[in-house]
Amino acid sequence: TSSRTGTGAMSYTYNSSFAADAWAITPGQNLIAGIPYTVTYWYKVISASYPENLKLTVGSAATKAGQTTTLLTQASLVNTTYAQATATFTPTTTGTYYFGLNCYSVANMDVLYIDDFSISGGQSATYAWTSSPAGFTSTSQNPSNVTVNDVTTYTVTATSGACTSSSSVTVTPTSLPDFA
């Protein structure tokens, strides 16, 4: 009943004697250096009278100590309806990164909910088609309405971040029988 979408949300439930320092850490995400990634999630508290605090972090290990960079600090959250948080992270080196959410507060606060956590971005592939003999070019992933009159070799080069791959195919037109 506390989810924004779907059937459940992640939650931190208070302790009447101890301060909050609860962590949720994502599985490893393979990210490319120099490419911006967007992290979004939705959050709310159960009561504005009992604010919670939340940090979004990133690091190179799925541990509290491995969370070395704070991307977003949200202090004294009091919204009782879901609000969206957004942060951007651009890694300096290609590798595996872990994102963490840290709920922290004094003892005897209340409940914090997190839902619809996502990491998006990176760089989409770009496509460059050429032909031999020359005459055909396209930047579409799947070009259509291509007319082939002679034997033609088509080459596509796909680029995503620092990765590039090319492939070629030779098309030989055939004449269709006359059914008249």
N, C-alpha and C. Protein backbone atom coordinates (compact mmCIF):
# COMPACT_ATOMS: atom_id res chain seq x y z
N THR A 1 0.82 -1.21 0.00
CA THR A 1 0.00 0.00 0.00
C THR A 1 0.85 1.26 0.00
N SER A 2 2.13 1.14 0.24
CA SER A 2 2.99 2.31 0.30
C SER A 2 3.84 2.50 -0.94
N SER A 3 3.62 1.69 -1.97
CA SER A 3 4.42 1.83 -3.18
C SER A 3 3.88 2.96 -4.05
N ARG A 4 4.78 3.54 -4.83
CA ARG A 4 4.37 4.55 -5.80
C ARG A 4 3.79 3.85 -7.02
N THR A 5 4.47 2.79 -7.47
CA THR A 5 4.00 1.94 -8.56
C THR A 5 4.24 0.50 -8.14
N GLY A 6 3.56 -0.41 -8.75
CA GLY A 6 3.77 -1.82 -8.42
C GLY A 6 3.15 -2.19 -7.08
N THR A 7 3.71 -3.24 -6.48
CA THR A 7 3.11 -3.78 -5.26
C THR A 7 3.93 -3.58 -4.01
N GLY A 8 5.10 -3.00 -4.09
CA GLY A 8 5.90 -2.81 -2.89
C GLY A 8 6.96 -1.74 -3.07
N ALA A 9 7.45 -1.24 -1.96
CA ALA A 9 8.50 -0.23 -1.96
C ALA A 9 9.53 -0.63 -0.90
N MET A 10 10.74 -0.15 -1.05
CA MET A 10 11.75 -0.35 -0.03
C MET A 10 11.45 0.61 1.12
N SER A 11 11.64 0.15 2.36
CA SER A 11 11.33 1.03 3.48
C SER A 11 12.34 0.86 4.61
N TYR A 12 12.50 1.94 5.35
CA TYR A 12 13.24 1.90 6.61
C TYR A 12 12.22 2.18 7.70
N THR A 13 12.17 1.29 8.68
CA THR A 13 11.27 1.48 9.83
C THR A 13 12.12 1.84 11.04
N TYR A 14 11.72 2.84 11.75
CA TYR A 14 12.49 3.41 12.85
C TYR A 14 12.74 2.41 13.98
N ASN A 15 13.70 2.79 14.82
CA ASN A 15 13.96 2.07 16.07
C ASN A 15 13.79 3.09 17.18
N SER A 16 13.07 2.73 18.22
CA SER A 16 12.80 3.70 19.28
C SER A 16 14.03 4.01 20.14
N SER A 17 15.08 3.17 20.08
CA SER A 17 16.25 3.37 20.93
C SER A 17 17.51 3.79 20.17
N PHE A 18 17.59 3.43 18.89
CA PHE A 18 18.84 3.65 18.15
C PHE A 18 18.63 4.56 16.94
N ALA A 19 19.64 5.37 16.65
CA ALA A 19 19.62 6.23 15.48
C ALA A 19 19.67 5.39 14.21
N ALA A 20 19.11 5.91 13.14
CA ALA A 20 19.13 5.21 11.86
C ALA A 20 20.48 5.37 11.19
N ASP A 21 20.95 4.30 10.59
CA ASP A 21 22.11 4.29 9.69
C ASP A 21 21.95 3.06 8.81
N ALA A 22 20.87 3.04 8.04
CA ALA A 22 20.51 1.89 7.21
C ALA A 22 20.97 2.12 5.77
N TRP A 23 21.49 1.08 5.15
CA TRP A 23 22.03 1.17 3.79
C TRP A 23 21.34 0.17 2.87
N ALA A 24 21.13 0.60 1.63
CA ALA A 24 20.74 -0.28 0.53
C ALA A 24 21.71 0.02 -0.60
N ILE A 25 22.36 -1.02 -1.13
CA ILE A 25 23.38 -0.82 -2.16
C ILE A 25 23.02 -1.67 -3.37
N THR A 26 23.12 -1.07 -4.56
CA THR A 26 22.76 -1.75 -5.80
C THR A 26 23.78 -2.84 -6.14
N PRO A 27 23.38 -3.74 -7.02
CA PRO A 27 24.38 -4.62 -7.64
C PRO A 27 25.35 -3.77 -8.47
N GLY A 28 26.48 -4.32 -8.85
CA GLY A 28 27.47 -3.59 -9.64
C GLY A 28 26.93 -3.15 -10.98
N GLN A 29 27.26 -1.92 -11.35
CA GLN A 29 26.86 -1.34 -12.63
C GLN A 29 28.12 -1.06 -13.44
N ASN A 30 28.21 -1.61 -14.64
CA ASN A 30 29.37 -1.38 -15.50
C ASN A 30 29.18 -0.06 -16.24
N LEU A 31 30.01 0.92 -15.88
CA LEU A 31 29.88 2.27 -16.42
C LEU A 31 31.13 2.65 -17.21
N ILE A 32 30.94 3.54 -18.18
CA ILE A 32 32.03 3.98 -19.06
C ILE A 32 32.50 5.36 -18.64
N ALA A 33 33.82 5.54 -18.57
CA ALA A 33 34.41 6.83 -18.18
C ALA A 33 33.95 7.95 -19.10
N GLY A 34 33.66 9.11 -18.50
CA GLY A 34 33.31 10.29 -19.26
C GLY A 34 31.87 10.36 -19.74
N ILE A 35 31.09 9.32 -19.48
CA ILE A 35 29.70 9.29 -19.93
C ILE A 35 28.81 9.59 -18.73
N PRO A 36 27.89 10.57 -18.81
CA PRO A 36 27.01 10.87 -17.68
C PRO A 36 25.88 9.85 -17.53
N TYR A 37 25.60 9.50 -16.30
CA TYR A 37 24.50 8.59 -15.96
C TYR A 37 23.56 9.32 -15.01
N THR A 38 22.27 9.09 -15.13
CA THR A 38 21.27 9.73 -14.29
C THR A 38 20.67 8.69 -13.35
N VAL A 39 20.67 9.02 -12.06
CA VAL A 39 20.07 8.17 -11.04
C VAL A 39 18.79 8.87 -10.57
N THR A 40 17.67 8.13 -10.60
CA THR A 40 16.42 8.70 -10.11
C THR A 40 15.76 7.71 -9.16
N TYR A 41 15.03 8.25 -8.22
CA TYR A 41 14.20 7.45 -7.33
C TYR A 41 13.13 8.34 -6.74
N TRP A 42 12.11 7.71 -6.16
CA TRP A 42 11.01 8.42 -5.53
C TRP A 42 11.04 8.11 -4.04
N TYR A 43 10.68 9.07 -3.21
CA TYR A 43 10.79 8.90 -1.76
C TYR A 43 9.64 9.64 -1.05
N LYS A 44 9.31 9.16 0.15
CA LYS A 44 8.36 9.86 1.01
C LYS A 44 8.55 9.33 2.43
N VAL A 45 8.04 10.08 3.40
CA VAL A 45 8.01 9.64 4.80
C VAL A 45 6.56 9.39 5.18
N ILE A 46 6.38 8.67 6.24
CA ILE A 46 5.01 8.35 6.65
C ILE A 46 4.37 9.50 7.44
N SER A 47 5.22 10.32 8.09
CA SER A 47 4.68 11.43 8.88
C SER A 47 5.64 12.62 8.81
N ALA A 48 5.10 13.78 8.51
CA ALA A 48 5.93 15.00 8.46
C ALA A 48 6.46 15.37 9.84
N SER A 49 5.87 14.85 10.88
CA SER A 49 6.33 15.13 12.25
C SER A 49 7.60 14.37 12.62
N TYR A 50 7.96 13.40 11.79
CA TYR A 50 9.13 12.58 12.06
C TYR A 50 10.03 12.54 10.82
N PRO A 51 10.80 13.59 10.58
CA PRO A 51 11.62 13.67 9.37
C PRO A 51 12.76 12.64 9.37
N GLU A 52 13.08 12.20 8.19
CA GLU A 52 14.23 11.32 7.97
C GLU A 52 15.22 12.03 7.07
N ASN A 53 16.46 11.52 7.05
CA ASN A 53 17.52 12.05 6.19
C ASN A 53 17.95 10.94 5.24
N LEU A 54 18.36 11.34 4.04
CA LEU A 54 18.72 10.36 3.02
C LEU A 54 19.90 10.87 2.22
N LYS A 55 20.85 9.96 1.95
CA LYS A 55 22.00 10.26 1.09
C LYS A 55 22.04 9.27 -0.06
N LEU A 56 22.39 9.75 -1.25
CA LEU A 56 22.68 8.90 -2.40
C LEU A 56 24.19 8.94 -2.60
N THR A 57 24.81 7.77 -2.63
CA THR A 57 26.26 7.68 -2.75
C THR A 57 26.64 6.77 -3.90
N VAL A 58 27.92 6.77 -4.25
CA VAL A 58 28.45 5.85 -5.25
C VAL A 58 29.87 5.49 -4.85
N GLY A 59 30.27 4.29 -5.20
CA GLY A 59 31.63 3.86 -4.89
C GLY A 59 31.99 2.60 -5.64
N SER A 60 33.17 2.08 -5.33
CA SER A 60 33.71 0.94 -6.07
C SER A 60 33.50 -0.39 -5.35
N ALA A 61 32.77 -0.39 -4.25
CA ALA A 61 32.50 -1.65 -3.53
C ALA A 61 31.08 -1.62 -2.96
N ALA A 62 30.50 -2.80 -2.82
CA ALA A 62 29.14 -2.93 -2.30
C ALA A 62 29.15 -2.98 -0.78
N THR A 63 29.86 -2.03 -0.19
CA THR A 63 29.95 -1.92 1.26
C THR A 63 29.76 -0.47 1.66
N LYS A 64 29.46 -0.25 2.93
CA LYS A 64 29.33 1.12 3.45
C LYS A 64 30.64 1.87 3.25
N ALA A 65 31.77 1.25 3.57
CA ALA A 65 33.07 1.89 3.41
C ALA A 65 33.41 2.15 1.95
N GLY A 66 32.85 1.33 1.05
CA GLY A 66 33.13 1.49 -0.38
C GLY A 66 32.37 2.62 -1.03
N GLN A 67 31.43 3.21 -0.32
CA GLN A 67 30.64 4.33 -0.84
C GLN A 67 31.39 5.62 -0.57
N THR A 68 32.23 6.03 -1.50
CA THR A 68 33.19 7.11 -1.27
C THR A 68 32.74 8.48 -1.77
N THR A 69 31.70 8.54 -2.59
CA THR A 69 31.26 9.81 -3.15
C THR A 69 29.78 10.01 -2.86
N THR A 70 29.45 11.17 -2.27
CA THR A 70 28.04 11.52 -2.04
C THR A 70 27.54 12.32 -3.23
N LEU A 71 26.48 11.82 -3.86
CA LEU A 71 25.89 12.50 -5.01
C LEU A 71 24.76 13.44 -4.61
N LEU A 72 24.05 13.10 -3.52
CA LEU A 72 22.89 13.89 -3.13
C LEU A 72 22.65 13.70 -1.64
N THR A 73 22.42 14.80 -0.92
CA THR A 73 22.06 14.75 0.49
C THR A 73 20.69 15.40 0.65
N GLN A 74 19.77 14.67 1.27
CA GLN A 74 18.43 15.18 1.48
C GLN A 74 18.17 15.15 2.99
N ALA A 75 18.19 16.32 3.61
CA ALA A 75 18.02 16.42 5.06
C ALA A 75 16.58 16.78 5.41
N SER A 76 16.13 16.24 6.49
CA SER A 76 14.80 16.56 7.05
C SER A 76 13.67 16.38 6.05
N LEU A 77 13.56 15.19 5.49
CA LEU A 77 12.47 14.91 4.56
C LEU A 77 11.14 14.85 5.31
N VAL A 78 10.19 15.62 4.84
CA VAL A 78 8.87 15.66 5.50
C VAL A 78 7.71 15.42 4.53
N ASN A 79 8.01 15.19 3.27
CA ASN A 79 6.93 14.99 2.30
C ASN A 79 6.26 13.62 2.51
N THR A 80 4.94 13.65 2.62
CA THR A 80 4.17 12.42 2.84
C THR A 80 3.57 11.87 1.55
N THR A 81 3.82 12.55 0.44
CA THR A 81 3.51 11.99 -0.88
C THR A 81 4.83 11.86 -1.62
N TYR A 82 4.90 10.95 -2.57
CA TYR A 82 6.16 10.68 -3.26
C TYR A 82 6.67 11.90 -4.01
N ALA A 83 7.96 12.13 -3.89
CA ALA A 83 8.68 13.17 -4.64
C ALA A 83 9.86 12.49 -5.32
N GLN A 84 10.28 13.04 -6.44
CA GLN A 84 11.38 12.44 -7.19
C GLN A 84 12.70 13.11 -6.87
N ALA A 85 13.74 12.30 -6.73
CA ALA A 85 15.10 12.80 -6.59
C ALA A 85 15.89 12.39 -7.83
N THR A 86 16.77 13.28 -8.27
CA THR A 86 17.58 13.01 -9.46
C THR A 86 19.00 13.49 -9.21
N ALA A 87 19.96 12.68 -9.61
CA ALA A 87 21.37 13.06 -9.52
C ALA A 87 22.08 12.53 -10.75
N THR A 88 23.18 13.18 -11.12
CA THR A 88 23.98 12.75 -12.25
C THR A 88 25.36 12.34 -11.78
N PHE A 89 25.87 11.26 -12.36
CA PHE A 89 27.22 10.79 -12.04
C PHE A 89 27.96 10.51 -13.34
N THR A 90 29.17 11.08 -13.47
CA THR A 90 30.03 10.83 -14.62
C THR A 90 31.32 10.21 -14.10
N PRO A 91 31.50 8.90 -14.31
CA PRO A 91 32.71 8.24 -13.80
C PRO A 91 33.96 8.75 -14.51
N THR A 92 35.07 8.81 -13.76
CA THR A 92 36.35 9.23 -14.35
C THR A 92 37.11 8.05 -14.94
N THR A 93 36.77 6.84 -14.52
CA THR A 93 37.37 5.63 -15.09
C THR A 93 36.27 4.62 -15.41
N THR A 94 36.48 3.83 -16.43
CA THR A 94 35.55 2.77 -16.77
C THR A 94 35.67 1.66 -15.73
N GLY A 95 34.53 1.15 -15.26
CA GLY A 95 34.59 0.08 -14.27
C GLY A 95 33.23 -0.22 -13.67
N THR A 96 33.26 -0.99 -12.59
CA THR A 96 32.04 -1.38 -11.89
C THR A 96 31.81 -0.45 -10.71
N TYR A 97 30.61 0.11 -10.64
CA TYR A 97 30.25 1.05 -9.59
C TYR A 97 28.99 0.55 -8.87
N TYR A 98 28.89 0.90 -7.59
CA TYR A 98 27.76 0.54 -6.75
C TYR A 98 27.14 1.82 -6.21
N PHE A 99 25.82 1.94 -6.31
CA PHE A 99 25.11 3.11 -5.79
C PHE A 99 24.47 2.73 -4.47
N GLY A 100 24.54 3.64 -3.50
CA GLY A 100 23.99 3.37 -2.18
C GLY A 100 22.99 4.42 -1.75
N LEU A 101 22.00 3.98 -1.01
CA LEU A 101 21.05 4.87 -0.34
C LEU A 101 21.24 4.68 1.15
N ASN A 102 21.48 5.78 1.87
CA ASN A 102 21.71 5.74 3.30
C ASN A 102 20.65 6.56 4.02
N CYS A 103 19.80 5.87 4.78
CA CYS A 103 18.81 6.53 5.63
C CYS A 103 19.46 6.75 6.99
N TYR A 104 19.48 8.01 7.44
CA TYR A 104 20.07 8.31 8.74
C TYR A 104 19.20 9.32 9.47
N SER A 105 19.07 9.12 10.77
CA SER A 105 18.27 10.04 11.59
C SER A 105 18.53 9.73 13.06
N VAL A 106 17.99 10.56 13.92
CA VAL A 106 18.06 10.28 15.35
C VAL A 106 17.09 9.14 15.66
N ALA A 107 17.18 8.60 16.84
CA ALA A 107 16.29 7.51 17.25
C ALA A 107 14.84 7.96 17.29
N ASN A 108 13.96 7.01 17.12
CA ASN A 108 12.53 7.19 17.30
C ASN A 108 11.90 8.14 16.28
N MET A 109 12.35 8.09 15.04
CA MET A 109 11.68 8.83 13.97
C MET A 109 10.59 7.91 13.43
N ASP A 110 10.38 7.86 12.12
CA ASP A 110 9.30 7.01 11.63
C ASP A 110 9.77 6.26 10.38
N VAL A 111 8.94 6.14 9.37
CA VAL A 111 9.21 5.29 8.21
C VAL A 111 9.56 6.14 6.99
N LEU A 112 10.57 5.69 6.25
CA LEU A 112 10.97 6.29 4.98
C LEU A 112 10.75 5.25 3.90
N TYR A 113 10.13 5.65 2.78
CA TYR A 113 9.90 4.76 1.65
C TYR A 113 10.69 5.23 0.44
N ILE A 114 11.24 4.27 -0.30
CA ILE A 114 11.93 4.53 -1.57
C ILE A 114 11.31 3.61 -2.61
N ASP A 115 11.03 4.16 -3.80
CA ASP A 115 10.44 3.33 -4.86
C ASP A 115 10.99 3.77 -6.21
N ASP A 116 10.90 2.88 -7.17
CA ASP A 116 11.24 3.15 -8.57
C ASP A 116 12.65 3.72 -8.74
N PHE A 117 13.63 3.06 -8.16
CA PHE A 117 15.04 3.45 -8.29
C PHE A 117 15.52 3.03 -9.67
N SER A 118 16.18 3.94 -10.40
CA SER A 118 16.69 3.58 -11.72
C SER A 118 17.98 4.33 -12.03
N ILE A 119 18.79 3.70 -12.87
CA ILE A 119 20.03 4.28 -13.38
C ILE A 119 19.91 4.24 -14.89
N SER A 120 20.02 5.39 -15.52
CA SER A 120 19.88 5.44 -16.97
C SER A 120 20.98 6.30 -17.56
N GLY A 121 21.05 6.25 -18.86
CA GLY A 121 22.02 7.09 -19.53
C GLY A 121 23.05 6.26 -20.25
N GLY A 122 24.25 6.69 -20.10
CA GLY A 122 25.25 6.08 -20.95
C GLY A 122 25.08 6.69 -22.31
N GLN A 123 25.66 6.08 -23.27
CA GLN A 123 25.59 6.64 -24.60
C GLN A 123 24.96 5.62 -25.52
N SER A 124 23.96 6.04 -26.24
CA SER A 124 23.33 5.17 -27.21
C SER A 124 24.28 4.98 -28.39
N ALA A 125 24.08 3.90 -29.09
CA ALA A 125 24.91 3.65 -30.27
C ALA A 125 24.52 4.59 -31.41
N THR A 126 25.50 4.97 -32.20
CA THR A 126 25.25 5.69 -33.44
C THR A 126 25.64 4.77 -34.59
N TYR A 127 25.01 4.96 -35.74
CA TYR A 127 25.21 4.07 -36.87
C TYR A 127 25.60 4.88 -38.09
N ALA A 128 26.53 4.33 -38.87
CA ALA A 128 26.96 4.97 -40.13
C ALA A 128 27.03 3.89 -41.20
N TRP A 129 26.13 3.98 -42.18
CA TRP A 129 26.09 3.03 -43.29
C TRP A 129 26.76 3.65 -44.51
N THR A 130 27.51 2.84 -45.23
CA THR A 130 28.09 3.24 -46.51
C THR A 130 27.95 2.06 -47.48
N SER A 131 28.19 2.32 -48.75
CA SER A 131 28.09 1.24 -49.74
C SER A 131 29.26 1.29 -50.70
N SER A 132 29.50 0.14 -51.33
CA SER A 132 30.50 0.03 -52.39
C SER A 132 29.87 -0.81 -53.50
N PRO A 133 29.63 -0.23 -54.66
CA PRO A 133 30.01 1.11 -55.06
C PRO A 133 29.28 2.18 -54.25
N ALA A 134 29.91 3.34 -54.21
CA ALA A 134 29.39 4.45 -53.41
C ALA A 134 28.01 4.88 -53.90
N GLY A 135 27.28 5.54 -53.01
CA GLY A 135 25.98 6.06 -53.40
C GLY A 135 24.94 5.92 -52.31
N PHE A 136 25.18 5.05 -51.33
CA PHE A 136 24.22 4.88 -50.25
C PHE A 136 24.87 5.24 -48.93
N THR A 137 24.19 6.10 -48.15
CA THR A 137 24.59 6.40 -46.77
C THR A 137 23.34 6.50 -45.93
N SER A 138 23.49 6.19 -44.64
CA SER A 138 22.38 6.31 -43.71
C SER A 138 22.93 6.33 -42.30
N THR A 139 22.20 6.99 -41.40
CA THR A 139 22.55 6.96 -39.97
C THR A 139 21.48 6.21 -39.17
N SER A 140 20.55 5.57 -39.87
CA SER A 140 19.51 4.80 -39.22
C SER A 140 20.06 3.43 -38.81
N GLN A 141 19.57 2.90 -37.68
CA GLN A 141 20.01 1.57 -37.27
C GLN A 141 19.56 0.52 -38.29
N ASN A 142 18.35 0.65 -38.78
CA ASN A 142 17.79 -0.30 -39.75
C ASN A 142 17.19 0.48 -40.91
N PRO A 143 18.01 0.88 -41.88
CA PRO A 143 17.47 1.65 -43.01
C PRO A 143 16.48 0.80 -43.81
N SER A 144 15.48 1.48 -44.36
CA SER A 144 14.47 0.77 -45.16
C SER A 144 14.38 1.39 -46.53
N ASN A 145 13.63 0.74 -47.40
CA ASN A 145 13.41 1.21 -48.77
C ASN A 145 14.71 1.41 -49.52
N VAL A 146 15.61 0.45 -49.40
CA VAL A 146 16.89 0.50 -50.11
C VAL A 146 16.73 -0.27 -51.42
N THR A 147 17.01 0.39 -52.54
CA THR A 147 16.89 -0.24 -53.85
C THR A 147 18.26 -0.74 -54.27
N VAL A 148 18.32 -2.02 -54.64
CA VAL A 148 19.58 -2.63 -55.07
C VAL A 148 19.46 -3.01 -56.53
N ASN A 149 20.28 -2.37 -57.39
CA ASN A 149 20.26 -2.67 -58.83
C ASN A 149 21.48 -3.46 -59.26
N ASP A 150 22.58 -3.33 -58.54
CA ASP A 150 23.83 -4.02 -58.86
C ASP A 150 24.35 -4.70 -57.61
N VAL A 151 25.33 -5.58 -57.76
CA VAL A 151 25.97 -6.19 -56.60
C VAL A 151 26.57 -5.07 -55.76
N THR A 152 26.18 -4.99 -54.50
CA THR A 152 26.60 -3.89 -53.63
C THR A 152 26.98 -4.45 -52.27
N THR A 153 28.08 -3.93 -51.73
CA THR A 153 28.50 -4.27 -50.37
C THR A 153 28.11 -3.11 -49.46
N TYR A 154 27.33 -3.44 -48.42
CA TYR A 154 26.90 -2.45 -47.44
C TYR A 154 27.69 -2.67 -46.16
N THR A 155 28.20 -1.58 -45.60
CA THR A 155 28.97 -1.65 -44.36
C THR A 155 28.32 -0.72 -43.34
N VAL A 156 28.11 -1.26 -42.13
CA VAL A 156 27.58 -0.45 -41.04
C VAL A 156 28.64 -0.43 -39.94
N THR A 157 28.85 0.77 -39.38
CA THR A 157 29.74 0.93 -38.24
C THR A 157 28.90 1.47 -37.09
N ALA A 158 28.89 0.71 -35.99
CA ALA A 158 28.15 1.12 -34.79
C ALA A 158 29.15 1.59 -33.75
N THR A 159 28.86 2.74 -33.12
CA THR A 159 29.74 3.31 -32.11
C THR A 159 28.93 3.60 -30.86
N SER A 160 29.45 3.16 -29.72
CA SER A 160 28.84 3.44 -28.42
C SER A 160 29.96 3.71 -27.44
N GLY A 161 30.06 4.97 -26.99
CA GLY A 161 31.17 5.33 -26.10
C GLY A 161 32.49 5.12 -26.80
N ALA A 162 33.40 4.35 -26.17
CA ALA A 162 34.70 4.08 -26.75
C ALA A 162 34.71 2.82 -27.60
N CYS A 163 33.56 2.16 -27.77
CA CYS A 163 33.48 0.90 -28.51
C CYS A 163 32.96 1.14 -29.92
N THR A 164 33.64 0.52 -30.89
CA THR A 164 33.23 0.62 -32.28
C THR A 164 33.28 -0.77 -32.90
N SER A 165 32.28 -1.08 -33.72
CA SER A 165 32.24 -2.37 -34.41
C SER A 165 31.65 -2.16 -35.79
N SER A 166 32.22 -2.89 -36.77
CA SER A 166 31.72 -2.79 -38.15
C SER A 166 31.37 -4.17 -38.68
N SER A 167 30.44 -4.18 -39.61
CA SER A 167 30.05 -5.42 -40.27
C SER A 167 29.62 -5.08 -41.69
N SER A 168 29.86 -6.03 -42.60
CA SER A 168 29.51 -5.81 -44.00
C SER A 168 28.70 -6.99 -44.53
N VAL A 169 27.88 -6.70 -45.54
CA VAL A 169 27.13 -7.73 -46.23
C VAL A 169 27.08 -7.35 -47.71
N THR A 170 27.21 -8.35 -48.57
CA THR A 170 27.12 -8.11 -50.00
C THR A 170 25.76 -8.61 -50.48
N VAL A 171 25.05 -7.74 -51.20
CA VAL A 171 23.73 -8.06 -51.70
C VAL A 171 23.81 -8.18 -53.22
N THR A 172 23.32 -9.33 -53.72
CA THR A 172 23.29 -9.58 -55.15
C THR A 172 21.84 -9.64 -55.59
N PRO A 173 21.40 -8.69 -56.41
CA PRO A 173 20.00 -8.72 -56.85
C PRO A 173 19.77 -9.89 -57.80
N THR A 174 18.59 -10.45 -57.77
CA THR A 174 18.20 -11.49 -58.71
C THR A 174 16.98 -11.02 -59.45
N SER A 175 16.84 -11.51 -60.66
CA SER A 175 15.65 -11.11 -61.41
C SER A 175 14.53 -12.09 -61.07
N LEU A 176 13.35 -11.57 -60.99
CA LEU A 176 12.18 -12.38 -60.69
C LEU A 176 11.59 -12.89 -62.00
N PRO A 177 11.05 -14.09 -61.96
CA PRO A 177 10.42 -14.61 -63.19
C PRO A 177 9.21 -13.77 -63.59
N ASP A 178 8.94 -13.72 -64.86
CA ASP A 178 7.78 -13.00 -65.37
C ASP A 178 6.58 -13.94 -65.35
N PHE A 179 5.60 -13.61 -64.55
CA PHE A 179 4.42 -14.45 -64.40
C PHE A 179 3.27 -14.00 -65.31
N ALA A 180 3.53 -13.15 -66.24
CA ALA A 180 2.46 -12.64 -67.09
C ALA A 180 2.02 -13.64 -68.13
